[in-house]
């Protein structure tokens, strides 16, 4: 029997749907985390009474959002083709994975704190732990993860600018959003939503390019 020749792997045309899925799941998770920790809320364990369920749901959604984000990175990198530059690609992939890891940790901290409220032995100690976890979650999300997301955007926009793979308007919008996130991430956690919205826009453009979405079709 003649051995079958191996076939090269190709990226599915609809793989960019992963970016849409990430934007929806990640955006929902961020809204749940944000509403569980409303602005001006007192530091301590009080937020867990009303926000523990939202934090648990966010922790459930986050791994699936992360899987979709990995697919999104793969689809974007596949679009580089022979134009890929190893320097910018390394920054692009590194920043994306660092961003995702920090968001995983943030969701895990929130879920752990929410679950710990069921077996409280020392109320004062639990309040101190809750305050510490709340501050770590906020700082990790706003100060570190969000800025890594901005680096991801800047490196990708630079690749698009040098190769011409994406429209110039998208490059400009990406730079503006990334700079805004870098400068204003500590002002409001709502700035985090700019990242999944941006991923949604990029994913739609990739789907149009792949022919999955036809904007010129008339019904």
C-alpha atoms as a PDB file:
ATOM      1  CA  UNK A   1       0.000   0.000   0.000  1.00  0.00           C
ATOM      2  CA  UNK A   2       1.406   3.337  -1.040  1.00  0.00           C
ATOM      3  CA  UNK A   3       2.107   5.553   2.008  1.00  0.00           C
ATOM      4  CA  UNK A   4       0.059   8.721   2.161  1.00  0.00           C
ATOM      5  CA  UNK A   5       2.047  11.901   1.732  1.00  0.00           C
ATOM      6  CA  UNK A   6       1.724  14.393   4.603  1.00  0.00           C
ATOM      7  CA  UNK A   7      -0.193  17.579   3.884  1.00  0.00           C
ATOM      8  CA  UNK A   8       0.862  21.005   5.170  1.00  0.00           C
ATOM      9  CA  UNK A   9      -1.370  22.563   7.810  1.00  0.00           C
ATOM     10  CA  UNK A  10      -3.348  25.610   6.786  1.00  0.00           C
ATOM     11  CA  UNK A  11      -5.216  28.121   8.914  1.00  0.00           C
ATOM     12  CA  UNK A  12      -9.026  27.690   8.656  1.00  0.00           C
ATOM     13  CA  UNK A  13     -10.741  30.642   6.996  1.00  0.00           C
ATOM     14  CA  UNK A  14     -13.126  31.044   9.913  1.00  0.00           C
ATOM     15  CA  UNK A  15     -10.372  30.900  12.554  1.00  0.00           C
ATOM     16  CA  UNK A  16     -10.673  34.667  13.040  1.00  0.00           C
ATOM     17  CA  UNK A  17     -14.015  33.946  14.701  1.00  0.00           C
ATOM     18  CA  UNK A  18     -11.870  33.148  17.736  1.00  0.00           C
ATOM     19  CA  UNK A  19     -11.172  36.857  18.090  1.00  0.00           C
ATOM     20  CA  UNK A  20     -14.898  37.619  18.085  1.00  0.00           C
ATOM     21  CA  UNK A  21     -15.447  34.918  20.703  1.00  0.00           C
ATOM     22  CA  UNK A  22     -12.600  36.303  22.801  1.00  0.00           C
ATOM     23  CA  UNK A  23     -13.972  39.836  22.612  1.00  0.00           C
ATOM     24  CA  UNK A  24     -17.421  38.728  23.787  1.00  0.00           C
ATOM     25  CA  UNK A  25     -16.245  36.373  26.549  1.00  0.00           C
ATOM     26  CA  UNK A  26     -13.438  38.599  27.789  1.00  0.00           C
ATOM     27  CA  UNK A  27     -15.568  41.720  27.702  1.00  0.00           C
ATOM     28  CA  UNK A  28     -18.290  39.962  29.697  1.00  0.00           C
ATOM     29  CA  UNK A  29     -15.756  38.726  32.248  1.00  0.00           C
ATOM     30  CA  UNK A  30     -14.306  42.221  32.645  1.00  0.00           C
ATOM     31  CA  UNK A  31     -17.753  43.745  33.182  1.00  0.00           C
ATOM     32  CA  UNK A  32     -18.503  41.136  35.836  1.00  0.00           C
ATOM     33  CA  UNK A  33     -15.214  41.838  37.620  1.00  0.00           C
ATOM     34  CA  UNK A  34     -15.727  45.578  37.357  1.00  0.00           C
ATOM     35  CA  UNK A  35     -19.263  45.479  38.750  1.00  0.00           C
ATOM     36  CA  UNK A  36     -18.124  43.197  41.561  1.00  0.00           C
ATOM     37  CA  UNK A  37     -15.594  45.873  42.537  1.00  0.00           C
ATOM     38  CA  UNK A  38     -17.500  49.127  41.996  1.00  0.00           C
ATOM     39  CA  UNK A  39     -15.641  52.461  42.180  1.00  0.00           C
ATOM     40  CA  UNK A  40     -15.584  53.960  45.652  1.00  0.00           C
ATOM     41  CA  UNK A  41     -16.323  50.655  47.358  1.00  0.00           C
ATOM     42  CA  UNK A  42     -14.849  50.206  50.800  1.00  0.00           C
ATOM     43  CA  UNK A  43     -11.747  48.110  51.108  1.00  0.00           C
ATOM     44  CA  UNK A  44     -12.368  44.810  52.824  1.00  0.00           C
ATOM     45  CA  UNK A  45     -14.674  41.831  52.554  1.00  0.00           C
ATOM     46  CA  UNK A  46     -17.930  43.769  52.023  1.00  0.00           C
ATOM     47  CA  UNK A  47     -17.766  43.516  48.230  1.00  0.00           C
ATOM     48  CA  UNK A  48     -17.849  39.711  48.430  1.00  0.00           C
ATOM     49  CA  UNK A  49     -21.406  39.680  49.746  1.00  0.00           C
ATOM     50  CA  UNK A  50     -22.845  41.062  46.506  1.00  0.00           C
ATOM     51  CA  UNK A  51     -20.027  40.395  44.036  1.00  0.00           C
ATOM     52  CA  UNK A  52     -18.924  36.841  44.810  1.00  0.00           C
ATOM     53  CA  UNK A  53     -21.261  35.257  42.242  1.00  0.00           C
ATOM     54  CA  UNK A  54     -20.140  37.657  39.492  1.00  0.00           C
ATOM     55  CA  UNK A  55     -16.505  36.938  40.324  1.00  0.00           C
ATOM     56  CA  UNK A  56     -17.069  33.181  40.087  1.00  0.00           C
ATOM     57  CA  UNK A  57     -18.792  33.520  36.701  1.00  0.00           C
ATOM     58  CA  UNK A  58     -15.915  35.696  35.437  1.00  0.00           C
ATOM     59  CA  UNK A  59     -13.436  33.030  36.549  1.00  0.00           C
ATOM     60  CA  UNK A  60     -15.395  30.405  34.578  1.00  0.00           C
ATOM     61  CA  UNK A  61     -15.455  32.530  31.402  1.00  0.00           C
ATOM     62  CA  UNK A  62     -11.803  33.596  31.530  1.00  0.00           C
ATOM     63  CA  UNK A  63     -10.187  30.245  30.518  1.00  0.00           C
ATOM     64  CA  UNK A  64     -12.420  29.993  27.442  1.00  0.00           C
ATOM     65  CA  UNK A  65     -11.605  33.602  26.558  1.00  0.00           C
ATOM     66  CA  UNK A  66      -7.925  32.730  26.912  1.00  0.00           C
ATOM     67  CA  UNK A  67      -8.199  29.774  24.535  1.00  0.00           C
ATOM     68  CA  UNK A  68      -9.904  32.008  21.974  1.00  0.00           C
ATOM     69  CA  UNK A  69      -7.187  34.639  22.420  1.00  0.00           C
ATOM     70  CA  UNK A  70      -4.464  32.078  21.663  1.00  0.00           C
ATOM     71  CA  UNK A  71      -6.292  31.248  18.432  1.00  0.00           C
ATOM     72  CA  UNK A  72      -6.533  34.945  17.665  1.00  0.00           C
ATOM     73  CA  UNK A  73      -2.763  35.352  18.098  1.00  0.00           C
ATOM     74  CA  UNK A  74      -2.210  32.397  15.775  1.00  0.00           C
ATOM     75  CA  UNK A  75      -4.517  33.806  13.105  1.00  0.00           C
ATOM     76  CA  UNK A  76      -2.880  37.236  13.233  1.00  0.00           C
ATOM     77  CA  UNK A  77       0.617  35.758  13.053  1.00  0.00           C
ATOM     78  CA  UNK A  78      -0.370  33.501  10.149  1.00  0.00           C
ATOM     79  CA  UNK A  79      -1.356  36.646   8.260  1.00  0.00           C
ATOM     80  CA  UNK A  80       2.220  37.916   8.434  1.00  0.00           C
ATOM     81  CA  UNK A  81       3.408  35.155   6.095  1.00  0.00           C
ATOM     82  CA  UNK A  82       6.913  35.684   4.752  1.00  0.00           C
ATOM     83  CA  UNK A  83       6.771  39.334   5.878  1.00  0.00           C
ATOM     84  CA  UNK A  84       7.118  38.371   9.529  1.00  0.00           C
ATOM     85  CA  UNK A  85       9.881  40.091  11.475  1.00  0.00           C
ATOM     86  CA  UNK A  86      11.241  38.040  14.384  1.00  0.00           C
ATOM     87  CA  UNK A  87      11.916  41.061  16.606  1.00  0.00           C
ATOM     88  CA  UNK A  88       8.432  42.567  16.458  1.00  0.00           C
ATOM     89  CA  UNK A  89       6.803  39.124  16.469  1.00  0.00           C
ATOM     90  CA  UNK A  90       8.640  38.224  19.669  1.00  0.00           C
ATOM     91  CA  UNK A  91       7.390  41.400  21.372  1.00  0.00           C
ATOM     92  CA  UNK A  92       3.905  40.848  19.960  1.00  0.00           C
ATOM     93  CA  UNK A  93       3.625  37.238  21.172  1.00  0.00           C
ATOM     94  CA  UNK A  94       5.381  37.894  24.489  1.00  0.00           C
ATOM     95  CA  UNK A  95       3.161  40.833  25.373  1.00  0.00           C
ATOM     96  CA  UNK A  96       0.018  38.917  24.416  1.00  0.00           C
ATOM     97  CA  UNK A  97       0.906  35.881  26.518  1.00  0.00           C
ATOM     98  CA  UNK A  98       1.956  38.038  29.475  1.00  0.00           C
ATOM     99  CA  UNK A  99      -1.323  39.956  29.281  1.00  0.00           C
ATOM    100  CA  UNK A 100      -3.305  36.730  29.186  1.00  0.00           C
ATOM    101  CA  UNK A 101      -1.385  35.185  32.098  1.00  0.00           C
ATOM    102  CA  UNK A 102      -2.005  38.219  34.291  1.00  0.00           C
ATOM    103  CA  UNK A 103      -5.706  38.208  33.517  1.00  0.00           C
ATOM    104  CA  UNK A 104      -5.849  34.510  34.431  1.00  0.00           C
ATOM    105  CA  UNK A 105      -4.183  35.272  37.742  1.00  0.00           C
ATOM    106  CA  UNK A 106      -6.561  38.187  38.408  1.00  0.00           C
ATOM    107  CA  UNK A 107      -9.622  36.028  37.769  1.00  0.00           C
ATOM    108  CA  UNK A 108      -8.218  33.242  39.934  1.00  0.00           C
ATOM    109  CA  UNK A 109      -7.564  35.654  42.814  1.00  0.00           C
ATOM    110  CA  UNK A 110     -11.119  36.981  42.606  1.00  0.00           C
ATOM    111  CA  UNK A 111     -12.617  33.484  42.485  1.00  0.00           C
ATOM    112  CA  UNK A 112     -10.438  32.359  45.383  1.00  0.00           C
ATOM    113  CA  UNK A 113     -11.499  35.293  47.526  1.00  0.00           C
ATOM    114  CA  UNK A 114     -15.160  34.736  46.687  1.00  0.00           C
ATOM    115  CA  UNK A 115     -14.921  31.052  47.600  1.00  0.00           C
ATOM    116  CA  UNK A 116     -13.042  31.750  50.833  1.00  0.00           C
ATOM    117  CA  UNK A 117     -16.036  33.586  52.276  1.00  0.00           C
ATOM    118  CA  UNK A 118     -17.810  30.289  52.933  1.00  0.00           C
ATOM    119  CA  UNK A 119     -15.427  29.068  55.636  1.00  0.00           C
ATOM    120  CA  UNK A 120     -14.537  32.121  57.696  1.00  0.00           C
ATOM    121  CA  UNK A 121     -13.042  31.392  61.099  1.00  0.00           C
ATOM    122  CA  UNK A 122     -11.467  34.720  61.978  1.00  0.00           C
ATOM    123  CA  UNK A 123     -13.521  37.618  60.625  1.00  0.00           C
ATOM    124  CA  UNK A 124     -10.862  40.300  61.111  1.00  0.00           C
ATOM    125  CA  UNK A 125      -8.163  38.197  59.452  1.00  0.00           C
ATOM    126  CA  UNK A 126     -10.497  37.426  56.561  1.00  0.00           C
ATOM    127  CA  UNK A 127     -11.157  41.142  56.073  1.00  0.00           C
ATOM    128  CA  UNK A 128      -7.423  41.829  55.877  1.00  0.00           C
ATOM    129  CA  UNK A 129      -6.904  39.019  53.364  1.00  0.00           C
ATOM    130  CA  UNK A 130      -9.861  40.265  51.307  1.00  0.00           C
ATOM    131  CA  UNK A 131      -8.448  43.791  51.271  1.00  0.00           C
ATOM    132  CA  UNK A 132      -5.050  42.523  50.148  1.00  0.00           C
ATOM    133  CA  UNK A 133      -6.595  40.349  47.420  1.00  0.00           C
ATOM    134  CA  UNK A 134      -8.797  43.198  46.229  1.00  0.00           C
ATOM    135  CA  UNK A 135      -5.816  45.536  45.869  1.00  0.00           C
ATOM    136  CA  UNK A 136      -3.716  42.875  44.116  1.00  0.00           C
ATOM    137  CA  UNK A 137      -6.549  42.135  41.678  1.00  0.00           C
ATOM    138  CA  UNK A 138      -7.069  45.809  40.819  1.00  0.00           C
ATOM    139  CA  UNK A 139      -3.372  46.626  40.440  1.00  0.00           C
ATOM    140  CA  UNK A 140      -2.639  43.466  38.451  1.00  0.00           C
ATOM    141  CA  UNK A 141      -5.499  44.228  36.065  1.00  0.00           C
ATOM    142  CA  UNK A 142      -5.160  47.993  35.643  1.00  0.00           C
ATOM    143  CA  UNK A 143      -1.444  48.631  36.053  1.00  0.00           C
ATOM    144  CA  UNK A 144       0.248  45.534  34.649  1.00  0.00           C
ATOM    145  CA  UNK A 145      -2.044  43.390  32.465  1.00  0.00           C
ATOM    146  CA  UNK A 146      -3.660  46.342  30.713  1.00  0.00           C
ATOM    147  CA  UNK A 147      -0.313  47.905  29.849  1.00  0.00           C
ATOM    148  CA  UNK A 148       0.927  44.596  28.445  1.00  0.00           C
ATOM    149  CA  UNK A 149      -2.183  44.636  26.277  1.00  0.00           C
ATOM    150  CA  UNK A 150      -1.165  48.089  25.071  1.00  0.00           C
ATOM    151  CA  UNK A 151       2.323  46.803  24.183  1.00  0.00           C
ATOM    152  CA  UNK A 152       0.647  43.961  22.264  1.00  0.00           C
ATOM    153  CA  UNK A 153      -1.356  46.534  20.303  1.00  0.00           C
ATOM    154  CA  UNK A 154       1.613  48.819  19.616  1.00  0.00           C
ATOM    155  CA  UNK A 155       3.859  46.003  18.367  1.00  0.00           C
ATOM    156  CA  UNK A 156       1.102  44.681  16.116  1.00  0.00           C
ATOM    157  CA  UNK A 157       0.315  48.161  14.772  1.00  0.00           C
ATOM    158  CA  UNK A 158       4.004  48.645  13.981  1.00  0.00           C
ATOM    159  CA  UNK A 159       4.075  45.382  12.036  1.00  0.00           C
ATOM    160  CA  UNK A 160       0.992  46.444  10.086  1.00  0.00           C
ATOM    161  CA  UNK A 161       2.484  49.872   9.407  1.00  0.00           C
ATOM    162  CA  UNK A 162       5.739  48.456   8.033  1.00  0.00           C
ATOM    163  CA  UNK A 163       4.137  45.690   5.981  1.00  0.00           C
ATOM    164  CA  UNK A 164       0.904  47.355   4.883  1.00  0.00           C
ATOM    165  CA  UNK A 165      -1.079  44.242   5.810  1.00  0.00           C
ATOM    166  CA  UNK A 166      -3.923  46.224   7.388  1.00  0.00           C
ATOM    167  CA  UNK A 167      -5.572  49.573   6.561  1.00  0.00           C
ATOM    168  CA  UNK A 168      -3.792  52.722   7.669  1.00  0.00           C
ATOM    169  CA  UNK A 169      -6.839  53.885   9.659  1.00  0.00           C
ATOM    170  CA  UNK A 170      -6.678  50.722  11.787  1.00  0.00           C
ATOM    171  CA  UNK A 171      -2.997  51.342  12.501  1.00  0.00           C
ATOM    172  CA  UNK A 172      -3.750  54.896  13.640  1.00  0.00           C
ATOM    173  CA  UNK A 173      -6.701  53.807  15.794  1.00  0.00           C
ATOM    174  CA  UNK A 174      -4.586  51.054  17.345  1.00  0.00           C
ATOM    175  CA  UNK A 175      -1.797  53.478  18.259  1.00  0.00           C
ATOM    176  CA  UNK A 176      -4.255  55.973  19.752  1.00  0.00           C
ATOM    177  CA  UNK A 177      -6.056  53.331  21.818  1.00  0.00           C
ATOM    178  CA  UNK A 178      -2.787  51.831  23.020  1.00  0.00           C
ATOM    179  CA  UNK A 179      -1.401  55.207  24.113  1.00  0.00           C
ATOM    180  CA  UNK A 180      -4.677  55.976  25.860  1.00  0.00           C
ATOM    181  CA  UNK A 181      -4.516  52.672  27.726  1.00  0.00           C
ATOM    182  CA  UNK A 182      -0.895  53.244  28.715  1.00  0.00           C
ATOM    183  CA  UNK A 183      -1.638  56.692  30.119  1.00  0.00           C
ATOM    184  CA  UNK A 184      -5.116  56.232  31.554  1.00  0.00           C
ATOM    185  CA  UNK A 185      -5.180  52.612  32.736  1.00  0.00           C
ATOM    186  CA  UNK A 186      -4.844  53.632  36.391  1.00  0.00           C
ATOM    187  CA  UNK A 187      -7.755  56.085  36.136  1.00  0.00           C
ATOM    188  CA  UNK A 188     -10.532  53.608  35.391  1.00  0.00           C
ATOM    189  CA  UNK A 189     -10.826  49.838  35.049  1.00  0.00           C
ATOM    190  CA  UNK A 190     -13.361  50.471  32.267  1.00  0.00           C
ATOM    191  CA  UNK A 191     -10.397  51.295  30.028  1.00  0.00           C
ATOM    192  CA  UNK A 192      -9.757  47.549  29.938  1.00  0.00           C
ATOM    193  CA  UNK A 193     -12.818  47.174  27.697  1.00  0.00           C
ATOM    194  CA  UNK A 194     -10.987  49.023  24.922  1.00  0.00           C
ATOM    195  CA  UNK A 195      -8.872  45.917  24.380  1.00  0.00           C
ATOM    196  CA  UNK A 196     -11.647  43.368  23.625  1.00  0.00           C
ATOM    197  CA  UNK A 197     -13.467  45.957  21.481  1.00  0.00           C
ATOM    198  CA  UNK A 198     -10.278  46.441  19.464  1.00  0.00           C
ATOM    199  CA  UNK A 199      -9.883  42.661  19.065  1.00  0.00           C
ATOM    200  CA  UNK A 200     -13.468  42.499  17.776  1.00  0.00           C
ATOM    201  CA  UNK A 201     -12.729  45.136  15.139  1.00  0.00           C
ATOM    202  CA  UNK A 202      -9.550  43.370  14.000  1.00  0.00           C
ATOM    203  CA  UNK A 203     -11.335  40.009  13.875  1.00  0.00           C
ATOM    204  CA  UNK A 204     -14.147  41.370  11.704  1.00  0.00           C
ATOM    205  CA  UNK A 205     -11.589  42.792   9.272  1.00  0.00           C
ATOM    206  CA  UNK A 206      -9.782  39.432   9.162  1.00  0.00           C
ATOM    207  CA  UNK A 207     -13.072  37.644   8.491  1.00  0.00           C
ATOM    208  CA  UNK A 208     -13.842  40.082   5.663  1.00  0.00           C
ATOM    209  CA  UNK A 209     -10.400  39.488   4.184  1.00  0.00           C
ATOM    210  CA  UNK A 210     -10.877  35.704   4.418  1.00  0.00           C
ATOM    211  CA  UNK A 211     -14.223  35.984   2.639  1.00  0.00           C
ATOM    212  CA  UNK A 212     -16.231  34.659   5.591  1.00  0.00           C
ATOM    213  CA  UNK A 213     -18.045  38.009   5.828  1.00  0.00           C
ATOM    214  CA  UNK A 214     -19.030  39.775   2.618  1.00  0.00           C
ATOM    215  CA  UNK A 215     -19.794  43.424   3.274  1.00  0.00           C
ATOM    216  CA  UNK A 216     -20.565  44.076  -0.404  1.00  0.00           C
ATOM    217  CA  UNK A 217     -23.217  41.382  -0.720  1.00  0.00           C
ATOM    218  CA  UNK A 218     -26.724  42.655  -1.421  1.00  0.00           C
ATOM    219  CA  UNK A 219     -29.692  40.691  -0.113  1.00  0.00           C
END
